[in-house]
Amino acid sequence: MDNHSHHDHSHSHTSNKKALFISFILITTFMIVEVIGGFWTNSLALLSDAGHMLSDAAALGLSLLAFKIGESSANSNKTFGYRRFEILAAFLNGVTLIAISLYIFWEAANRFVEPPEVASGGMLVIATLGLFINILVAWILMRGGDTKNNLNMRSAFLHVLGDLLGSVGAIAAGLLILFFNWYLADPIASVLVAILVLISGWRVTKDAFHVLMEGKPASVDIVKVKHELLSLEGVKDVHDLHVWSITSDFLSFSCHLVVSDPINRDQLLQEASYILESNHGLKHVTIQIEGDGYVECHPCY
């Protein structure tokens, strides 16, 4: 990785940590307020939103911890360092989102059978305050962090976005109860939010699982990569081609090039590396060059 890329990564890393820390403080503080308000008003919409905010606080804290652990240097046991912990954090956040949505479904089902009375006035005040807090936190994460390319940041952002929708649902339910005494609005709002949270959780979990299973990054076209390498002078075949993610912004690539002799192998390596980085953003590249008559030996056991 060149100095410019390293500087960009360090700047992005610092910005992500700062955005997460500020968001963590705001979410944790309001979560306490919402838990108290949920019990006071007897609102499932508020309590489910508070439960989601609790998971938000945990998710933001876990994401922050992941960035901190990821700063640890590589060693003889962890040759890539601890950067993959960011993906583990994203996976855990995704699973938590799914678990929370299922719990809300269960609680809502009980309230459909026997809708309890809800203090709509207090519910509206707390939900409205929660909406403003979530909008602020979402803005901080979007402006201060890389929620587009960093899976760890995106999982934290989706937690907050789910919370924002929960606040909207609680406000809508509070208005329906206030004006029409329609207490079923409370569990209905909870179910609608739970569906959105479930979808977000599934997407984050699936993406994180794909990275953990060494899946191909979506930004890389394997067929195009192979075609470009084969187009280089002297290259007769490309095999054992692998591309995977260590973490969201760290892609790795390896392959074997079968070449005809004589050929300037150092020049070929430079050309191949340049194509992979400039066309596909692949900076961490390992290429093995083999002569036309090369036979790979495997130990027999």
Protein backbone atom coordinates (compact mmCIF):
# COMPACT_ATOMS: atom_id res chain seq x y z
CA MET A 1 0.00 0.00 0.00
CA ASP A 2 1.48 3.38 -0.98
CA ASN A 3 1.81 6.36 1.42
CA HIS A 4 -1.20 8.16 -0.06
CA SER A 5 -3.44 5.10 0.35
CA HIS A 6 -2.16 4.55 3.87
CA HIS A 7 -2.91 8.20 4.73
CA ASP A 8 -6.43 7.91 3.30
CA HIS A 9 -7.06 4.72 5.29
CA SER A 10 -5.74 6.28 8.53
CA HIS A 11 -7.88 9.40 8.04
CA SER A 12 -10.99 7.30 7.32
CA HIS A 13 -10.20 5.05 10.33
CA THR A 14 -9.90 8.06 12.69
CA SER A 15 -13.10 9.65 11.33
CA ASN A 16 -15.00 6.38 11.78
CA LYS A 17 -13.87 6.07 15.41
CA LYS A 18 -14.78 9.69 16.23
CA ALA A 19 -18.25 9.37 14.66
CA LEU A 20 -18.88 6.09 16.52
CA PHE A 21 -17.80 7.51 19.88
CA ILE A 22 -20.06 10.59 19.68
CA SER A 23 -22.97 8.42 18.49
CA PHE A 24 -22.39 5.91 21.31
CA ILE A 25 -22.65 8.65 23.98
CA LEU A 26 -25.87 10.11 22.49
CA ILE A 27 -27.60 6.75 21.98
CA THR A 28 -26.68 5.37 25.42
CA THR A 29 -27.93 8.49 27.19
CA PHE A 30 -31.28 8.53 25.41
CA MET A 31 -31.71 4.76 25.72
CA ILE A 32 -31.91 5.14 29.50
CA VAL A 33 -34.55 7.86 29.10
CA GLU A 34 -36.59 5.69 26.69
CA VAL A 35 -36.53 2.60 28.93
CA ILE A 36 -37.93 4.64 31.82
CA GLY A 37 -40.51 6.25 29.50
CA GLY A 38 -41.54 2.91 28.02
CA PHE A 39 -42.41 1.44 31.43
CA TRP A 40 -44.06 4.70 32.53
CA THR A 41 -46.35 4.87 29.46
CA ASN A 42 -46.78 1.06 29.07
CA SER A 43 -45.91 1.38 25.35
CA LEU A 44 -44.49 -1.64 23.51
CA ALA A 45 -43.52 0.64 20.63
CA LEU A 46 -41.35 2.66 23.02
CA LEU A 47 -40.00 -0.39 24.84
CA SER A 48 -39.15 -2.16 21.57
CA ASP A 49 -37.47 1.03 20.39
CA ALA A 50 -35.60 1.22 23.71
CA GLY A 51 -34.56 -2.43 23.29
CA HIS A 52 -33.34 -1.60 19.83
CA MET A 53 -31.49 1.42 21.23
CA LEU A 54 -29.83 -0.88 23.77
CA SER A 55 -28.64 -3.02 20.87
CA ASP A 56 -27.56 0.20 19.12
CA ALA A 57 -25.42 1.18 22.09
CA ALA A 58 -23.91 -2.32 22.16
CA ALA A 59 -23.45 -2.29 18.37
CA LEU A 60 -21.76 1.11 18.38
CA GLY A 61 -19.57 0.07 21.31
CA LEU A 62 -18.66 -3.20 19.58
CA SER A 63 -17.89 -1.39 16.31
CA LEU A 64 -15.70 1.08 18.22
CA LEU A 65 -13.93 -1.81 19.96
CA ALA A 66 -13.45 -3.52 16.59
CA PHE A 67 -11.64 -0.50 15.16
CA LYS A 68 -9.47 -0.31 18.29
CA ILE A 69 -8.58 -4.02 18.20
CA GLY A 70 -8.01 -3.74 14.43
CA GLU A 71 -5.18 -1.27 15.12
CA SER A 72 -3.12 -4.05 16.72
CA SER A 73 -0.02 -4.89 14.71
CA ALA A 74 0.38 -8.10 12.76
CA ASN A 75 2.48 -10.80 14.41
CA SER A 76 3.74 -14.31 13.75
CA ASN A 77 0.39 -15.80 14.79
CA LYS A 78 -1.90 -13.17 13.19
CA THR A 79 -0.08 -12.29 9.98
CA PHE A 80 -2.89 -9.98 8.82
CA GLY A 81 -3.24 -8.44 12.28
CA TYR A 82 -6.70 -8.12 13.85
CA ARG A 83 -8.49 -6.13 11.16
CA ARG A 84 -10.89 -9.01 10.43
CA PHE A 85 -12.44 -8.34 13.88
CA GLU A 86 -14.37 -5.50 12.19
CA ILE A 87 -16.21 -8.11 10.11
CA LEU A 88 -16.90 -10.25 13.18
CA ALA A 89 -18.40 -7.16 14.86
CA ALA A 90 -20.59 -6.53 11.82
CA PHE A 91 -21.73 -10.18 11.85
CA LEU A 92 -22.63 -10.02 15.56
CA ASN A 93 -24.50 -6.74 14.99
CA GLY A 94 -26.49 -8.32 12.16
CA VAL A 95 -27.43 -11.36 14.25
CA THR A 96 -28.48 -9.03 17.10
CA LEU A 97 -30.77 -7.10 14.76
CA ILE A 98 -32.46 -10.35 13.69
CA ALA A 99 -32.88 -11.48 17.33
CA ILE A 100 -34.42 -8.14 18.35
CA SER A 101 -36.90 -8.19 15.47
CA LEU A 102 -38.04 -11.71 16.41
CA TYR A 103 -38.50 -10.66 20.05
CA ILE A 104 -40.63 -7.66 18.98
CA PHE A 105 -42.80 -9.99 16.85
CA TRP A 106 -43.36 -12.21 19.90
CA GLU A 107 -44.30 -9.33 22.19
CA ALA A 108 -46.56 -7.76 19.57
CA ALA A 109 -48.44 -11.06 19.09
CA ASN A 110 -49.39 -11.05 22.78
CA ARG A 111 -50.60 -7.45 22.56
CA PHE A 112 -52.78 -8.17 19.53
CA VAL A 113 -54.72 -10.63 21.68
CA GLU A 114 -55.21 -8.15 24.54
CA PRO A 115 -54.19 -4.57 23.70
CA PRO A 116 -53.26 -2.73 26.96
CA GLU A 117 -53.88 0.95 27.62
CA VAL A 118 -51.02 3.25 26.65
CA ALA A 119 -50.25 6.77 27.94
CA SER A 120 -50.16 8.36 24.48
CA GLY A 121 -49.08 11.86 25.61
CA GLY A 122 -45.88 10.75 27.30
CA MET A 123 -45.28 8.24 24.52
CA LEU A 124 -45.43 11.04 21.91
CA VAL A 125 -43.01 13.30 23.78
CA ILE A 126 -40.39 10.57 24.26
CA ALA A 127 -40.77 9.18 20.72
CA THR A 128 -40.39 12.66 19.20
CA LEU A 129 -37.26 13.33 21.25
CA GLY A 130 -35.96 9.92 20.18
CA LEU A 131 -36.57 10.78 16.53
CA PHE A 132 -34.43 13.91 16.79
CA ILE A 133 -31.63 12.01 18.58
CA ASN A 134 -31.63 9.29 15.92
CA ILE A 135 -31.62 11.79 13.05
CA LEU A 136 -28.63 13.52 14.67
CA VAL A 137 -26.73 10.25 15.18
CA ALA A 138 -27.52 9.04 11.64
CA TRP A 139 -26.21 12.36 10.29
CA ILE A 140 -23.02 12.09 12.38
CA LEU A 141 -22.36 8.57 11.10
CA MET A 142 -23.04 9.51 7.47
CA ARG A 143 -20.98 12.70 7.51
CA GLY A 144 -18.18 11.55 9.80
CA GLY A 145 -17.85 7.87 8.87
CA ASP A 146 -17.62 5.61 5.83
CA THR A 147 -21.06 3.96 5.92
CA LYS A 148 -20.90 3.07 2.21
CA ASN A 149 -17.74 0.98 1.96
CA ASN A 150 -16.97 -0.10 5.54
CA LEU A 151 -19.18 -3.03 6.57
CA ASN A 152 -18.58 -2.42 10.28
CA MET A 153 -19.74 1.22 9.96
CA ARG A 154 -22.68 0.21 7.76
CA SER A 155 -23.93 -2.32 10.34
CA ALA A 156 -23.80 0.34 13.07
CA PHE A 157 -25.58 2.84 10.80
CA LEU A 158 -28.35 0.33 10.00
CA HIS A 159 -28.93 -0.18 13.73
CA VAL A 160 -29.46 3.58 14.10
CA LEU A 161 -31.63 3.77 10.97
CA GLY A 162 -33.83 1.01 12.38
CA ASP A 163 -34.12 3.03 15.59
CA LEU A 164 -35.10 6.12 13.63
CA LEU A 165 -37.90 4.16 11.95
CA GLY A 166 -38.91 2.84 15.38
CA SER A 167 -39.32 6.42 16.63
CA VAL A 168 -41.45 7.28 13.58
CA GLY A 169 -43.61 4.21 14.25
CA ALA A 170 -44.00 5.12 17.93
CA ILE A 171 -45.04 8.70 17.01
CA ALA A 172 -47.62 7.40 14.51
CA ALA A 173 -48.99 4.94 17.08
CA GLY A 174 -49.09 7.66 19.75
CA LEU A 175 -51.14 9.96 17.49
CA LEU A 176 -53.63 7.18 16.61
CA ILE A 177 -54.08 6.33 20.30
CA LEU A 178 -54.38 9.99 21.30
CA PHE A 179 -57.04 10.90 18.73
CA PHE A 180 -58.86 7.59 18.15
CA ASN A 181 -58.08 5.48 21.27
CA TRP A 182 -56.90 2.79 18.86
CA TYR A 183 -54.54 0.82 21.12
CA LEU A 184 -53.81 -1.79 18.43
CA ALA A 185 -51.71 0.90 16.71
CA ASP A 186 -48.96 0.25 19.28
CA PRO A 187 -48.26 -3.43 18.36
CA ILE A 188 -48.90 -2.73 14.65
CA ALA A 189 -46.23 -0.01 14.63
CA SER A 190 -43.87 -2.41 16.41
CA VAL A 191 -44.40 -5.15 13.81
CA LEU A 192 -43.79 -2.78 10.87
CA VAL A 193 -40.53 -1.60 12.41
CA ALA A 194 -39.53 -5.18 13.27
CA ILE A 195 -39.91 -6.18 9.60
CA LEU A 196 -37.56 -3.38 8.50
CA VAL A 197 -35.08 -4.27 11.27
CA LEU A 198 -35.19 -7.95 10.21
CA ILE A 199 -34.38 -7.05 6.59
CA SER A 200 -31.45 -4.83 7.64
CA GLY A 201 -30.13 -7.48 10.01
CA TRP A 202 -30.32 -10.18 7.35
CA ARG A 203 -28.41 -8.06 4.81
CA VAL A 204 -25.59 -7.18 7.21
CA THR A 205 -25.30 -10.78 8.45
CA LYS A 206 -25.24 -12.13 4.88
CA ASP A 207 -22.56 -9.62 3.77
CA ALA A 208 -20.39 -10.29 6.83
CA PHE A 209 -20.76 -14.07 6.38
CA HIS A 210 -19.69 -13.69 2.73
CA VAL A 211 -16.47 -11.95 3.83
CA LEU A 212 -15.79 -14.49 6.59
CA MET A 213 -16.19 -17.29 4.00
CA GLU A 214 -13.54 -15.61 1.78
CA GLY A 215 -16.20 -14.73 -0.82
CA LYS A 216 -15.36 -12.65 -3.89
CA PRO A 217 -15.73 -8.88 -3.32
CA ALA A 218 -18.68 -7.48 -5.29
CA SER A 219 -16.46 -4.81 -6.86
CA VAL A 220 -14.21 -7.36 -8.62
CA ASP A 221 -15.15 -9.10 -11.88
CA ILE A 222 -13.17 -12.37 -11.95
CA VAL A 223 -13.79 -13.00 -15.66
CA LYS A 224 -12.55 -9.51 -16.56
CA VAL A 225 -9.47 -9.85 -14.34
CA LYS A 226 -8.52 -13.16 -15.95
CA HIS A 227 -9.07 -11.76 -19.45
CA GLU A 228 -6.83 -8.74 -18.74
CA LEU A 229 -4.04 -10.93 -17.36
CA LEU A 230 -4.23 -13.26 -20.36
CA SER A 231 -3.92 -10.25 -22.66
CA LEU A 232 -0.43 -9.48 -21.28
CA GLU A 233 2.42 -10.41 -23.60
CA GLY A 234 3.86 -13.85 -22.86
CA VAL A 235 1.01 -15.04 -20.58
CA LYS A 236 -0.38 -18.39 -21.79
CA ASP A 237 -2.64 -19.33 -18.89
CA VAL A 238 -3.99 -18.10 -15.55
CA HIS A 239 -4.97 -20.53 -12.79
CA ASP A 240 -5.41 -20.77 -9.01
CA LEU A 241 -6.91 -17.27 -9.11
CA HIS A 242 -8.32 -16.12 -5.76
CA VAL A 243 -9.64 -12.76 -4.56
CA TRP A 244 -11.07 -12.13 -1.10
CA SER A 245 -11.51 -9.47 1.59
CA ILE A 246 -9.56 -9.30 4.82
CA THR A 247 -11.91 -6.48 5.82
CA SER A 248 -14.10 -3.99 3.94
CA ASP A 249 -11.25 -1.81 2.65
CA PHE A 250 -8.51 -4.45 2.40
CA LEU A 251 -8.77 -6.77 -0.63
CA SER A 252 -6.29 -9.55 -1.36
CA PHE A 253 -5.48 -11.29 -4.62
CA SER A 254 -3.35 -14.25 -5.68
CA CYS A 255 -2.87 -16.25 -8.88
CA HIS A 256 -0.44 -18.31 -10.97
CA LEU A 257 0.62 -17.08 -14.42
CA VAL A 258 1.91 -19.62 -16.94
CA VAL A 259 4.32 -17.84 -19.29
CA SER A 260 6.35 -18.62 -22.38
CA ASP A 261 10.14 -18.36 -22.28
CA PRO A 262 12.10 -16.21 -22.70
CA ILE A 263 10.27 -13.34 -20.97
CA ASN A 264 11.15 -10.51 -18.61
CA ARG A 265 9.38 -11.74 -15.49
CA ASP A 266 10.04 -8.63 -13.40
CA GLN A 267 8.47 -6.43 -16.07
CA LEU A 268 5.50 -8.80 -16.35
CA LEU A 269 4.93 -8.63 -12.59
CA GLN A 270 4.96 -4.82 -12.72
CA GLU A 271 2.47 -4.74 -15.60
CA ALA A 272 0.13 -7.27 -13.93
CA SER A 273 0.26 -5.44 -10.59
CA TYR A 274 -0.46 -2.11 -12.29
CA ILE A 275 -3.53 -3.51 -14.09
CA LEU A 276 -4.90 -5.12 -10.94
CA GLU A 277 -4.51 -1.94 -8.86
CA SER A 278 -5.60 0.66 -11.42
CA ASN A 279 -8.54 -1.31 -12.89
CA HIS A 280 -9.77 -3.23 -9.85
CA GLY A 281 -8.36 -1.53 -6.73
CA LEU A 282 -6.33 -4.62 -5.80
CA LYS A 283 -3.23 -3.47 -3.92
CA HIS A 284 -2.32 -6.57 -1.88
CA VAL A 285 -1.32 -8.87 -4.74
CA THR A 286 0.64 -12.14 -4.83
CA ILE A 287 1.51 -13.58 -8.26
CA GLN A 288 3.47 -16.79 -8.94
CA ILE A 289 5.02 -17.05 -12.40
CA GLU A 290 5.53 -20.52 -13.90
CA GLY A 291 7.33 -21.59 -17.08
CA ASP A 292 5.45 -23.51 -19.74
CA GLY A 293 7.00 -26.79 -18.61
CA TYR A 294 6.55 -26.17 -14.89
CA VAL A 295 5.03 -29.06 -12.95
CA GLU A 296 3.73 -28.29 -9.48
CA CYS A 297 4.78 -30.91 -6.97
CA HIS A 298 2.59 -31.96 -4.10
CA PRO A 299 3.98 -34.02 -1.19
CA CYS A 300 2.74 -37.56 -0.98
CA TYR A 301 1.57 -38.99 2.32
